[in-house]
Amino acid sequence: MQKVALKTSESDGADREVLVELNLSEDFYITAPDGALLNREAFLKRIANPYPGTEAEAVDVMIRILGDFAIIHSGYRDKRLTGDTGYGRYTDIYERRNGRWLCAAAHFMRFQNPPKT
């Protein structure tokens, strides 16, 4: 599961959309950094645009497997197009359905400064 999260943030728009689409449940929802609650279709449209930064790196990744559910908590940092370092955190919730792990929900936020750990 961690590989999917890292690959999606490092790929260009088209590749990222394909990788993510394969791992999202049909009933997926995400709370985006701007506060929008997006369903699967709206989220895939949004991420089809180029990633607004470079050198994305997951930090402080914690994966908890709870039976047929898994929760991924992670921070990240990247280089913004301005050259500044960007920071954020995300939580992904996966469910094992028919033997396959699918992301059912996510929450993503950005910070001006490094998050407190």
PDB file of N, CA and C in Angstrom:
ATOM      1  N   MET A   1       0.816  -1.202   0.000  1.00  0.00           N
ATOM      2  CA  MET A   1       0.000   0.000   0.000  1.00  0.00           C
ATOM      3  C   MET A   1       0.854   1.257   0.000  1.00  0.00           C
ATOM      4  N   GLN A   2       1.941   1.264   0.723  1.00  0.00           N
ATOM      5  CA  GLN A   2       2.778   2.450   0.758  1.00  0.00           C
ATOM      6  C   GLN A   2       3.343   2.757  -0.627  1.00  0.00           C
ATOM      7  N   LYS A   3       3.739   1.738  -1.389  1.00  0.00           N
ATOM      8  CA  LYS A   3       4.278   1.959  -2.726  1.00  0.00           C
ATOM      9  C   LYS A   3       3.284   2.708  -3.611  1.00  0.00           C
ATOM     10  N   VAL A   4       2.028   2.367  -3.516  1.00  0.00           N
ATOM     11  CA  VAL A   4       1.012   3.036  -4.330  1.00  0.00           C
ATOM     12  C   VAL A   4       0.969   4.518  -3.990  1.00  0.00           C
ATOM     13  N   ALA A   5       0.963   4.859  -2.707  1.00  0.00           N
ATOM     14  CA  ALA A   5       0.902   6.254  -2.291  1.00  0.00           C
ATOM     15  C   ALA A   5       2.110   7.021  -2.801  1.00  0.00           C
ATOM     16  N   LEU A   6       3.294   6.428  -2.745  1.00  0.00           N
ATOM     17  CA  LEU A   6       4.495   7.120  -3.209  1.00  0.00           C
ATOM     18  C   LEU A   6       4.507   7.248  -4.724  1.00  0.00           C
ATOM     19  N   LYS A   7       4.163   6.194  -5.429  1.00  0.00           N
ATOM     20  CA  LYS A   7       4.153   6.256  -6.886  1.00  0.00           C
ATOM     21  C   LYS A   7       3.170   7.302  -7.389  1.00  0.00           C
ATOM     22  N   THR A   8       2.023   7.414  -6.771  1.00  0.00           N
ATOM     23  CA  THR A   8       1.023   8.345  -7.270  1.00  0.00           C
ATOM     24  C   THR A   8       1.494   9.779  -7.134  1.00  0.00           C
ATOM     25  N   SER A   9       2.246  10.102  -6.097  1.00  0.00           N
ATOM     26  CA  SER A   9       2.672  11.484  -5.946  1.00  0.00           C
ATOM     27  C   SER A   9       3.928  11.799  -6.758  1.00  0.00           C
ATOM     28  N   GLU A  10       4.598  10.800  -7.296  1.00  0.00           N
ATOM     29  CA  GLU A  10       5.796  11.045  -8.084  1.00  0.00           C
ATOM     30  C   GLU A  10       5.549  10.983  -9.588  1.00  0.00           C
ATOM     31  N   SER A  11       4.437  10.479 -10.005  1.00  0.00           N
ATOM     32  CA  SER A  11       4.165  10.300 -11.426  1.00  0.00           C
ATOM     33  C   SER A  11       3.605  11.568 -12.044  1.00  0.00           C
ATOM     34  N   ASP A  12       3.705  11.675 -13.366  1.00  0.00           N
ATOM     35  CA  ASP A  12       3.052  12.807 -14.018  1.00  0.00           C
ATOM     36  C   ASP A  12       1.544  12.569 -14.043  1.00  0.00           C
ATOM     37  N   GLY A  13       0.785  13.550 -14.446  1.00  0.00           N
ATOM     38  CA  GLY A  13      -0.672  13.506 -14.354  1.00  0.00           C
ATOM     39  C   GLY A  13      -1.323  12.252 -14.897  1.00  0.00           C
ATOM     40  N   ALA A  14      -1.013  11.864 -16.113  1.00  0.00           N
ATOM     41  CA  ALA A  14      -1.696  10.719 -16.733  1.00  0.00           C
ATOM     42  C   ALA A  14      -1.361   9.422 -16.015  1.00  0.00           C
ATOM     43  N   ASP A  15      -0.089   9.170 -15.730  1.00  0.00           N
ATOM     44  CA  ASP A  15       0.298   7.944 -15.036  1.00  0.00           C
ATOM     45  C   ASP A  15      -0.305   7.898 -13.643  1.00  0.00           C
ATOM     46  N   ARG A  16      -0.311   9.023 -12.962  1.00  0.00           N
ATOM     47  CA  ARG A  16      -0.842   9.078 -11.604  1.00  0.00           C
ATOM     48  C   ARG A  16      -2.311   8.701 -11.600  1.00  0.00           C
ATOM     49  N   GLU A  17      -3.065   9.191 -12.549  1.00  0.00           N
ATOM     50  CA  GLU A  17      -4.496   8.898 -12.597  1.00  0.00           C
ATOM     51  C   GLU A  17      -4.731   7.399 -12.769  1.00  0.00           C
ATOM     52  N   VAL A  18      -3.978   6.748 -13.635  1.00  0.00           N
ATOM     53  CA  VAL A  18      -4.161   5.315 -13.873  1.00  0.00           C
ATOM     54  C   VAL A  18      -3.803   4.528 -12.617  1.00  0.00           C
ATOM     55  N   LEU A  19      -2.682   4.832 -11.981  1.00  0.00           N
ATOM     56  CA  LEU A  19      -2.273   4.111 -10.782  1.00  0.00           C
ATOM     57  C   LEU A  19      -3.303   4.264  -9.674  1.00  0.00           C
ATOM     58  N   VAL A  20      -3.792   5.451  -9.472  1.00  0.00           N
ATOM     59  CA  VAL A  20      -4.756   5.693  -8.404  1.00  0.00           C
ATOM     60  C   VAL A  20      -6.080   5.035  -8.727  1.00  0.00           C
ATOM     61  N   GLU A  21      -6.549   5.147  -9.952  1.00  0.00           N
ATOM     62  CA  GLU A  21      -7.851   4.594 -10.323  1.00  0.00           C
ATOM     63  C   GLU A  21      -7.915   3.099 -10.031  1.00  0.00           C
ATOM     64  N   LEU A  22      -6.817   2.391 -10.232  1.00  0.00           N
ATOM     65  CA  LEU A  22      -6.798   0.955 -10.002  1.00  0.00           C
ATOM     66  C   LEU A  22      -6.960   0.605  -8.530  1.00  0.00           C
ATOM     67  N   ASN A  23      -6.682   1.531  -7.623  1.00  0.00           N
ATOM     68  CA  ASN A  23      -6.694   1.242  -6.196  1.00  0.00           C
ATOM     69  C   ASN A  23      -7.808   1.948  -5.435  1.00  0.00           C
ATOM     70  N   LEU A  24      -8.689   2.653  -6.133  1.00  0.00           N
ATOM     71  CA  LEU A  24      -9.801   3.328  -5.473  1.00  0.00           C
ATOM     72  C   LEU A  24     -11.055   2.480  -5.556  1.00  0.00           C
ATOM     73  N   SER A  25     -11.795   2.424  -4.450  1.00  0.00           N
ATOM     74  CA  SER A  25     -13.079   1.725  -4.481  1.00  0.00           C
ATOM     75  C   SER A  25     -14.067   2.561  -5.294  1.00  0.00           C
ATOM     76  N   GLU A  26     -15.108   1.925  -5.775  1.00  0.00           N
ATOM     77  CA  GLU A  26     -16.134   2.640  -6.547  1.00  0.00           C
ATOM     78  C   GLU A  26     -16.828   3.714  -5.704  1.00  0.00           C
ATOM     79  N   ASP A  27     -16.896   3.504  -4.383  1.00  0.00           N
ATOM     80  CA  ASP A  27     -17.570   4.448  -3.491  1.00  0.00           C
ATOM     81  C   ASP A  27     -16.581   5.339  -2.729  1.00  0.00           C
ATOM     82  N   PHE A  28     -15.387   5.540  -3.289  1.00  0.00           N
ATOM     83  CA  PHE A  28     -14.320   6.357  -2.692  1.00  0.00           C
ATOM     84  C   PHE A  28     -14.740   7.814  -2.521  1.00  0.00           C
ATOM     85  N   TYR A  29     -14.315   8.414  -1.391  1.00  0.00           N
ATOM     86  CA  TYR A  29     -14.439   9.857  -1.148  1.00  0.00           C
ATOM     87  C   TYR A  29     -13.158  10.362  -0.520  1.00  0.00           C
ATOM     88  N   ILE A  30     -12.816  11.626  -0.829  1.00  0.00           N
ATOM     89  CA  ILE A  30     -11.651  12.270  -0.225  1.00  0.00           C
ATOM     90  C   ILE A  30     -12.037  13.671   0.226  1.00  0.00           C
ATOM     91  N   THR A  31     -11.488  14.068   1.363  1.00  0.00           N
ATOM     92  CA  THR A  31     -11.534  15.468   1.766  1.00  0.00           C
ATOM     93  C   THR A  31     -10.234  16.074   1.273  1.00  0.00           C
ATOM     94  N   ALA A  32     -10.337  16.991   0.319  1.00  0.00           N
ATOM     95  CA  ALA A  32      -9.173  17.602  -0.324  1.00  0.00           C
ATOM     96  C   ALA A  32      -8.626  18.744   0.542  1.00  0.00           C
ATOM     97  N   PRO A  33      -7.392  19.198   0.268  1.00  0.00           N
ATOM     98  CA  PRO A  33      -6.795  20.273   1.073  1.00  0.00           C
ATOM     99  C   PRO A  33      -7.622  21.561   1.103  1.00  0.00           C
ATOM    100  N   ASP A  34      -8.417  21.808   0.065  1.00  0.00           N
ATOM    101  CA  ASP A  34      -9.244  23.034   0.036  1.00  0.00           C
ATOM    102  C   ASP A  34     -10.581  22.828   0.749  1.00  0.00           C
ATOM    103  N   GLY A  35     -10.775  21.660   1.356  1.00  0.00           N
ATOM    104  CA  GLY A  35     -12.004  21.375   2.091  1.00  0.00           C
ATOM    105  C   GLY A  35     -13.096  20.711   1.272  1.00  0.00           C
ATOM    106  N   ALA A  36     -12.883  20.565  -0.042  1.00  0.00           N
ATOM    107  CA  ALA A  36     -13.896  19.939  -0.903  1.00  0.00           C
ATOM    108  C   ALA A  36     -13.986  18.446  -0.592  1.00  0.00           C
ATOM    109  N   LEU A  37     -15.207  17.938  -0.568  1.00  0.00           N
ATOM    110  CA  LEU A  37     -15.452  16.505  -0.439  1.00  0.00           C
ATOM    111  C   LEU A  37     -15.705  15.985  -1.847  1.00  0.00           C
ATOM    112  N   LEU A  38     -14.781  15.173  -2.356  1.00  0.00           N
ATOM    113  CA  LEU A  38     -14.833  14.718  -3.744  1.00  0.00           C
ATOM    114  C   LEU A  38     -15.096  13.225  -3.816  1.00  0.00           C
ATOM    115  N   ASN A  39     -15.976  12.823  -4.736  1.00  0.00           N
ATOM    116  CA  ASN A  39     -16.158  11.400  -4.989  1.00  0.00           C
ATOM    117  C   ASN A  39     -15.050  10.927  -5.934  1.00  0.00           C
ATOM    118  N   ARG A  40     -15.063   9.668  -6.267  1.00  0.00           N
ATOM    119  CA  ARG A  40     -14.013   9.064  -7.088  1.00  0.00           C
ATOM    120  C   ARG A  40     -13.838   9.794  -8.418  1.00  0.00           C
ATOM    121  N   GLU A  41     -14.945  10.022  -9.124  1.00  0.00           N
ATOM    122  CA  GLU A  41     -14.880  10.665 -10.438  1.00  0.00           C
ATOM    123  C   GLU A  41     -14.293  12.073 -10.348  1.00  0.00           C
ATOM    124  N   ALA A  42     -14.757  12.858  -9.389  1.00  0.00           N
ATOM    125  CA  ALA A  42     -14.266  14.237  -9.237  1.00  0.00           C
ATOM    126  C   ALA A  42     -12.792  14.251  -8.831  1.00  0.00           C
ATOM    127  N   PHE A  43     -12.384  13.324  -7.968  1.00  0.00           N
ATOM    128  CA  PHE A  43     -10.993  13.237  -7.555  1.00  0.00           C
ATOM    129  C   PHE A  43     -10.091  12.888  -8.735  1.00  0.00           C
ATOM    130  N   LEU A  44     -10.494  11.908  -9.548  1.00  0.00           N
ATOM    131  CA  LEU A  44      -9.676  11.521 -10.698  1.00  0.00           C
ATOM    132  C   LEU A  44      -9.543  12.669 -11.698  1.00  0.00           C
ATOM    133  N   LYS A  45     -10.596  13.452 -11.868  1.00  0.00           N
ATOM    134  CA  LYS A  45     -10.502  14.638 -12.736  1.00  0.00           C
ATOM    135  C   LYS A  45      -9.495  15.626 -12.185  1.00  0.00           C
ATOM    136  N   ARG A  46      -9.556  15.843 -10.871  1.00  0.00           N
ATOM    137  CA  ARG A  46      -8.666  16.825 -10.252  1.00  0.00           C
ATOM    138  C   ARG A  46      -7.204  16.410 -10.374  1.00  0.00           C
ATOM    139  N   ILE A  47      -6.888  15.145 -10.152  1.00  0.00           N
ATOM    140  CA  ILE A  47      -5.476  14.739 -10.178  1.00  0.00           C
ATOM    141  C   ILE A  47      -4.950  14.498 -11.587  1.00  0.00           C
ATOM    142  N   ALA A  48      -5.803  14.610 -12.593  1.00  0.00           N
ATOM    143  CA  ALA A  48      -5.329  14.476 -13.976  1.00  0.00           C
ATOM    144  C   ALA A  48      -4.441  15.655 -14.356  1.00  0.00           C
ATOM    145  N   ASN A  49      -4.532  16.754 -13.607  1.00  0.00           N
ATOM    146  CA  ASN A  49      -3.670  17.916 -13.837  1.00  0.00           C
ATOM    147  C   ASN A  49      -2.273  17.621 -13.310  1.00  0.00           C
ATOM    148  N   PRO A  50      -1.255  18.280 -13.865  1.00  0.00           N
ATOM    149  CA  PRO A  50       0.113  18.033 -13.374  1.00  0.00           C
ATOM    150  C   PRO A  50       0.237  18.353 -11.881  1.00  0.00           C
ATOM    151  N   TYR A  51       1.046  17.579 -11.198  1.00  0.00           N
ATOM    152  CA  TYR A  51       1.308  17.787  -9.778  1.00  0.00           C
ATOM    153  C   TYR A  51       2.006  19.136  -9.608  1.00  0.00           C
ATOM    154  N   PRO A  52       1.535  19.999  -8.688  1.00  0.00           N
ATOM    155  CA  PRO A  52       2.090  21.351  -8.562  1.00  0.00           C
ATOM    156  C   PRO A  52       3.366  21.409  -7.732  1.00  0.00           C
ATOM    157  N   GLY A  53       4.242  20.450  -7.914  1.00  0.00           N
ATOM    158  CA  GLY A  53       5.502  20.446  -7.182  1.00  0.00           C
ATOM    159  C   GLY A  53       6.396  19.325  -7.698  1.00  0.00           C
ATOM    160  N   THR A  54       7.545  19.184  -7.078  1.00  0.00           N
ATOM    161  CA  THR A  54       8.497  18.137  -7.453  1.00  0.00           C
ATOM    162  C   THR A  54       9.059  17.514  -6.189  1.00  0.00           C
ATOM    163  N   GLU A  55       9.783  16.437  -6.368  1.00  0.00           N
ATOM    164  CA  GLU A  55      10.491  15.784  -5.271  1.00  0.00           C
ATOM    165  C   GLU A  55       9.575  15.427  -4.106  1.00  0.00           C
ATOM    166  N   ALA A  56       8.385  14.936  -4.392  1.00  0.00           N
ATOM    167  CA  ALA A  56       7.457  14.530  -3.331  1.00  0.00           C
ATOM    168  C   ALA A  56       8.038  13.351  -2.563  1.00  0.00           C
ATOM    169  N   GLU A  57       7.957  13.437  -1.248  1.00  0.00           N
ATOM    170  CA  GLU A  57       8.513  12.388  -0.399  1.00  0.00           C
ATOM    171  C   GLU A  57       7.594  12.152   0.796  1.00  0.00           C
ATOM    172  N   ALA A  58       7.216  10.902   1.013  1.00  0.00           N
ATOM    173  CA  ALA A  58       6.434  10.551   2.200  1.00  0.00           C
ATOM    174  C   ALA A  58       7.367  10.507   3.407  1.00  0.00           C
ATOM    175  N   VAL A  59       6.886  11.006   4.541  1.00  0.00           N
ATOM    176  CA  VAL A  59       7.664  10.985   5.783  1.00  0.00           C
ATOM    177  C   VAL A  59       6.768  10.513   6.923  1.00  0.00           C
ATOM    178  N   ASP A  60       7.371   9.890   7.893  1.00  0.00           N
ATOM    179  CA  ASP A  60       6.644   9.430   9.087  1.00  0.00           C
ATOM    180  C   ASP A  60       5.442   8.553   8.715  1.00  0.00           C
ATOM    181  N   VAL A  61       5.649   7.587   7.842  1.00  0.00           N
ATOM    182  CA  VAL A  61       4.561   6.716   7.393  1.00  0.00           C
ATOM    183  C   VAL A  61       4.251   5.678   8.481  1.00  0.00           C
ATOM    184  N   MET A  62       2.974   5.554   8.798  1.00  0.00           N
ATOM    185  CA  MET A  62       2.530   4.539   9.736  1.00  0.00           C
ATOM    186  C   MET A  62       1.347   3.808   9.103  1.00  0.00           C
ATOM    187  N   ILE A  63       1.468   2.491   8.968  1.00  0.00           N
ATOM    188  CA  ILE A  63       0.396   1.670   8.409  1.00  0.00           C
ATOM    189  C   ILE A  63      -0.121   0.758   9.506  1.00  0.00           C
ATOM    190  N   ARG A  64      -1.435   0.832   9.735  1.00  0.00           N
ATOM    191  CA  ARG A  64      -2.067  -0.019  10.739  1.00  0.00           C
ATOM    192  C   ARG A  64      -3.069  -0.923  10.035  1.00  0.00           C
ATOM    193  N   ILE A  65      -2.892  -2.223  10.183  1.00  0.00           N
ATOM    194  CA  ILE A  65      -3.829  -3.181   9.589  1.00  0.00           C
ATOM    195  C   ILE A  65      -4.732  -3.677  10.699  1.00  0.00           C
ATOM    196  N   LEU A  66      -6.031  -3.498  10.489  1.00  0.00           N
ATOM    197  CA  LEU A  66      -7.046  -3.831  11.486  1.00  0.00           C
ATOM    198  C   LEU A  66      -8.057  -4.773  10.848  1.00  0.00           C
ATOM    199  N   GLY A  67      -7.703  -6.043  10.737  1.00  0.00           N
ATOM    200  CA  GLY A  67      -8.576  -7.009  10.079  1.00  0.00           C
ATOM    201  C   GLY A  67      -8.670  -6.717   8.588  1.00  0.00           C
ATOM    202  N   ASP A  68      -9.881  -6.424   8.116  1.00  0.00           N
ATOM    203  CA  ASP A  68     -10.091  -6.123   6.698  1.00  0.00           C
ATOM    204  C   ASP A  68      -9.972  -4.638   6.385  1.00  0.00           C
ATOM    205  N   PHE A  69      -9.456  -3.856   7.349  1.00  0.00           N
ATOM    206  CA  PHE A  69      -9.224  -2.427   7.126  1.00  0.00           C
ATOM    207  C   PHE A  69      -7.770  -2.100   7.393  1.00  0.00           C
ATOM    208  N   ALA A  70      -7.253  -1.106   6.686  1.00  0.00           N
ATOM    209  CA  ALA A  70      -5.907  -0.606   6.938  1.00  0.00           C
ATOM    210  C   ALA A  70      -5.974   0.916   6.887  1.00  0.00           C
ATOM    211  N   ILE A  71      -5.258   1.534   7.797  1.00  0.00           N
ATOM    212  CA  ILE A  71      -5.209   2.997   7.849  1.00  0.00           C
ATOM    213  C   ILE A  71      -3.758   3.406   7.656  1.00  0.00           C
ATOM    214  N   ILE A  72      -3.543   4.287   6.687  1.00  0.00           N
ATOM    215  CA  ILE A  72      -2.205   4.817   6.429  1.00  0.00           C
ATOM    216  C   ILE A  72      -2.198   6.263   6.883  1.00  0.00           C
ATOM    217  N   HIS A  73      -1.314   6.582   7.822  1.00  0.00           N
ATOM    218  CA  HIS A  73      -1.088   7.964   8.261  1.00  0.00           C
ATOM    219  C   HIS A  73       0.289   8.340   7.739  1.00  0.00           C
ATOM    220  N   SER A  74       0.410   9.491   7.107  1.00  0.00           N
ATOM    221  CA  SER A  74       1.716   9.889   6.598  1.00  0.00           C
ATOM    222  C   SER A  74       1.810  11.394   6.454  1.00  0.00           C
ATOM    223  N   GLY A  75       3.012  11.885   6.658  1.00  0.00           N
ATOM    224  CA  GLY A  75       3.325  13.257   6.299  1.00  0.00           C
ATOM    225  C   GLY A  75       3.970  13.231   4.928  1.00  0.00           C
ATOM    226  N   TYR A  76       4.160  14.398   4.366  1.00  0.00           N
ATOM    227  CA  TYR A  76       4.919  14.470   3.116  1.00  0.00           C
ATOM    228  C   TYR A  76       5.575  15.834   3.031  1.00  0.00           C
ATOM    229  N   ARG A  77       6.570  15.906   2.192  1.00  0.00           N
ATOM    230  CA  ARG A  77       7.179  17.201   1.840  1.00  0.00           C
ATOM    231  C   ARG A  77       7.495  17.147   0.357  1.00  0.00           C
ATOM    232  N   ASP A  78       7.505  18.330  -0.249  1.00  0.00           N
ATOM    233  CA  ASP A  78       7.828  18.437  -1.667  1.00  0.00           C
ATOM    234  C   ASP A  78       8.383  19.814  -1.938  1.00  0.00           C
ATOM    235  N   LYS A  79       8.833  20.027  -3.145  1.00  0.00           N
ATOM    236  CA  LYS A  79       9.260  21.351  -3.593  1.00  0.00           C
ATOM    237  C   LYS A  79       8.113  21.948  -4.385  1.00  0.00           C
ATOM    238  N   ARG A  80       7.615  23.096  -3.961  1.00  0.00           N
ATOM    239  CA  ARG A  80       6.559  23.791  -4.671  1.00  0.00           C
ATOM    240  C   ARG A  80       7.155  24.407  -5.934  1.00  0.00           C
ATOM    241  N   LEU A  81       6.336  24.803  -6.862  1.00  0.00           N
ATOM    242  CA  LEU A  81       6.828  25.414  -8.105  1.00  0.00           C
ATOM    243  C   LEU A  81       7.563  26.720  -7.834  1.00  0.00           C
ATOM    244  N   THR A  82       7.305  27.341  -6.678  1.00  0.00           N
ATOM    245  CA  THR A  82       7.999  28.565  -6.279  1.00  0.00           C
ATOM    246  C   THR A  82       9.409  28.286  -5.781  1.00  0.00           C
ATOM    247  N   GLY A  83       9.729  27.005  -5.544  1.00  0.00           N
ATOM    248  CA  GLY A  83      11.016  26.630  -4.980  1.00  0.00           C
ATOM    249  C   GLY A  83      10.960  26.420  -3.473  1.00  0.00           C
ATOM    250  N   ASP A  84       9.870  26.856  -2.836  1.00  0.00           N
ATOM    251  CA  ASP A  84       9.691  26.656  -1.401  1.00  0.00           C
ATOM    252  C   ASP A  84       9.374  25.189  -1.111  1.00  0.00           C
ATOM    253  N   THR A  85       9.675  24.765   0.108  1.00  0.00           N
ATOM    254  CA  THR A  85       9.312  23.418   0.530  1.00  0.00           C
ATOM    255  C   THR A  85       7.865  23.425   1.008  1.00  0.00           C
ATOM    256  N   GLY A  86       7.088  22.467   0.542  1.00  0.00           N
ATOM    257  CA  GLY A  86       5.701  22.307   0.971  1.00  0.00           C
ATOM    258  C   GLY A  86       5.588  21.115   1.911  1.00  0.00           C
ATOM    259  N   TYR A  87       4.597  21.169   2.784  1.00  0.00           N
ATOM    260  CA  TYR A  87       4.389  20.115   3.773  1.00  0.00           C
ATOM    261  C   TYR A  87       2.919  19.749   3.829  1.00  0.00           C
ATOM    262  N   GLY A  88       2.644  18.548   4.269  1.00  0.00           N
ATOM    263  CA  GLY A  88       1.260  18.145   4.463  1.00  0.00           C
ATOM    264  C   GLY A  88       1.176  16.815   5.168  1.00  0.00           C
ATOM    265  N   ARG A  89      -0.053  16.378   5.378  1.00  0.00           N
ATOM    266  CA  ARG A  89      -0.336  15.070   5.963  1.00  0.00           C
ATOM    267  C   ARG A  89      -1.521  14.479   5.232  1.00  0.00           C
ATOM    268  N   TYR A  90      -1.558  13.153   5.190  1.00  0.00           N
ATOM    269  CA  TYR A  90      -2.728  12.493   4.628  1.00  0.00           C
ATOM    270  C   TYR A  90      -3.032  11.229   5.412  1.00  0.00           C
ATOM    271  N   THR A  91      -4.275  10.841   5.358  1.00  0.00           N
ATOM    272  CA  THR A  91      -4.733   9.589   5.931  1.00  0.00           C
ATOM    273  C   THR A  91      -5.533   8.873   4.851  1.00  0.00           C
ATOM    274  N   ASP A  92      -5.154   7.654   4.544  1.00  0.00           N
ATOM    275  CA  ASP A  92      -5.888   6.816   3.597  1.00  0.00           C
ATOM    276  C   ASP A  92      -6.489   5.646   4.365  1.00  0.00           C
ATOM    277  N   ILE A  93      -7.716   5.309   4.036  1.00  0.00           N
ATOM    278  CA  ILE A  93      -8.379   4.167   4.652  1.00  0.00           C
ATOM    279  C   ILE A  93      -8.653   3.137   3.566  1.00  0.00           C
ATOM    280  N   TYR A  94      -8.048   1.968   3.736  1.00  0.00           N
ATOM    281  CA  TYR A  94      -8.205   0.879   2.777  1.00  0.00           C
ATOM    282  C   TYR A  94      -9.106  -0.202   3.363  1.00  0.00           C
ATOM    283  N   GLU A  95      -9.838  -0.850   2.498  1.00  0.00           N
ATOM    284  CA  GLU A  95     -10.661  -1.988   2.892  1.00  0.00           C
ATOM    285  C   GLU A  95     -10.306  -3.161   1.975  1.00  0.00           C
ATOM    286  N   ARG A  96     -10.202  -4.338   2.562  1.00  0.00           N
ATOM    287  CA  ARG A  96      -9.959  -5.534   1.748  1.00  0.00           C
ATOM    288  C   ARG A  96     -11.317  -6.046   1.277  1.00  0.00           C
ATOM    289  N   ARG A  97     -11.523  -6.011  -0.034  1.00  0.00           N
ATOM    290  CA  ARG A  97     -12.769  -6.469  -0.648  1.00  0.00           C
ATOM    291  C   ARG A  97     -12.437  -7.576  -1.642  1.00  0.00           C
ATOM    292  N   ASN A  98     -13.013  -8.729  -1.448  1.00  0.00           N
ATOM    293  CA  ASN A  98     -12.761  -9.871  -2.331  1.00  0.00           C
ATOM    294  C   ASN A  98     -11.263 -10.140  -2.488  1.00  0.00           C
ATOM    295  N   GLY A  99     -10.523 -10.031  -1.389  1.00  0.00           N
ATOM    296  CA  GLY A  99      -9.099 -10.318  -1.393  1.00  0.00           C
ATOM    297  C   GLY A  99      -8.219  -9.204  -1.931  1.00  0.00           C
ATOM    298  N   ARG A 100      -8.768  -8.048  -2.240  1.00  0.00           N
ATOM    299  CA  ARG A 100      -8.011  -6.938  -2.833  1.00  0.00           C
ATOM    300  C   ARG A 100      -8.135  -5.699  -1.951  1.00  0.00           C
ATOM    301  N   TRP A 101      -7.028  -5.006  -1.695  1.00  0.00           N
ATOM    302  CA  TRP A 101      -7.042  -3.780  -0.908  1.00  0.00           C
ATOM    303  C   TRP A 101      -7.434  -2.608  -1.799  1.00  0.00           C
ATOM    304  N   LEU A 102      -8.490  -1.904  -1.415  1.00  0.00           N
ATOM    305  CA  LEU A 102      -8.959  -0.726  -2.156  1.00  0.00           C
ATOM    306  C   LEU A 102      -9.075   0.461  -1.205  1.00  0.00           C
ATOM    307  N   CYS A 103      -8.684   1.617  -1.672  1.00  0.00           N
ATOM    308  CA  CYS A 103      -8.797   2.829  -0.865  1.00  0.00           C
ATOM    309  C   CYS A 103     -10.246   3.299  -0.913  1.00  0.00           C
ATOM    310  N   ALA A 104     -10.893   3.357   0.261  1.00  0.00           N
ATOM    311  CA  ALA A 104     -12.301   3.748   0.353  1.00  0.00           C
ATOM    312  C   ALA A 104     -12.465   5.206   0.747  1.00  0.00           C
ATOM    313  N   ALA A 105     -11.470   5.761   1.441  1.00  0.00           N
ATOM    314  CA  ALA A 105     -11.581   7.152   1.899  1.00  0.00           C
ATOM    315  C   ALA A 105     -10.194   7.719   2.146  1.00  0.00           C
ATOM    316  N   ALA A 106     -10.106   9.045   2.048  1.00  0.00           N
ATOM    317  CA  ALA A 106      -8.830   9.721   2.281  1.00  0.00           C
ATOM    318  C   ALA A 106      -9.087  11.129   2.796  1.00  0.00           C
ATOM    319  N   HIS A 107      -8.100  11.651   3.499  1.00  0.00           N
ATOM    320  CA  HIS A 107      -8.128  13.034   3.967  1.00  0.00           C
ATOM    321  C   HIS A 107      -6.734  13.588   3.744  1.00  0.00           C
ATOM    322  N   PHE A 108      -6.649  14.788   3.183  1.00  0.00           N
ATOM    323  CA  PHE A 108      -5.374  15.356   2.773  1.00  0.00           C
ATOM    324  C   PHE A 108      -5.334  16.813   3.201  1.00  0.00           C
ATOM    325  N   MET A 109      -4.218  17.244   3.786  1.00  0.00           N
ATOM    326  CA  MET A 109      -4.096  18.648   4.180  1.00  0.00           C
ATOM    327  C   MET A 109      -2.676  19.144   3.955  1.00  0.00           C
ATOM    328  N   ARG A 110      -2.565  20.449   3.757  1.00  0.00           N
ATOM    329  CA  ARG A 110      -1.259  21.102   3.552  1.00  0.00           C
ATOM    330  C   ARG A 110      -0.952  22.036   4.711  1.00  0.00           C
ATOM    331  N   PHE A 111       0.354  22.264   4.937  1.00  0.00           N
ATOM    332  CA  PHE A 111       0.829  23.172   5.988  1.00  0.00           C
ATOM    333  C   PHE A 111       1.830  24.162   5.410  1.00  0.00           C
ATOM    334  N   GLN A 112       1.910  25.334   5.983  1.00  0.00           N
ATOM    335  CA  GLN A 112       2.932  26.314   5.612  1.00  0.00           C
ATOM    336  C   GLN A 112       4.298  25.926   6.188  1.00  0.00           C
ATOM    337  N   ASN A 113       4.286  25.340   7.391  1.00  0.00           N
ATOM    338  CA  ASN A 113       5.511  24.964   8.097  1.00  0.00           C
ATOM    339  C   ASN A 113       5.518  23.465   8.315  1.00  0.00           C
ATOM    340  N   PRO A 114       6.686  22.899   8.655  1.00  0.00           N
ATOM    341  CA  PRO A 114       6.718  21.461   8.915  1.00  0.00           C
ATOM    342  C   PRO A 114       5.724  21.084  10.011  1.00  0.00           C
ATOM    343  N   PRO A 115       5.006  19.978   9.847  1.00  0.00           N
ATOM    344  CA  PRO A 115       4.054  19.577  10.896  1.00  0.00           C
ATOM    345  C   PRO A 115       4.778  19.148  12.158  1.00  0.00           C
ATOM    346  N   LYS A 116       4.106  19.314  13.264  1.00  0.00           N
ATOM    347  CA  LYS A 116       4.658  18.854  14.537  1.00  0.00           C
ATOM    348  C   LYS A 116       4.416  17.363  14.641  1.00  0.00           C
ATOM    349  N   THR A 117       5.416  16.626  15.066  1.00  0.00           N
ATOM    350  CA  THR A 117       5.249  15.178  15.198  1.00  0.00           C
ATOM    351  C   THR A 117       5.190  14.773  16.651  1.00  0.00           C
TER     352      THR A 117
END
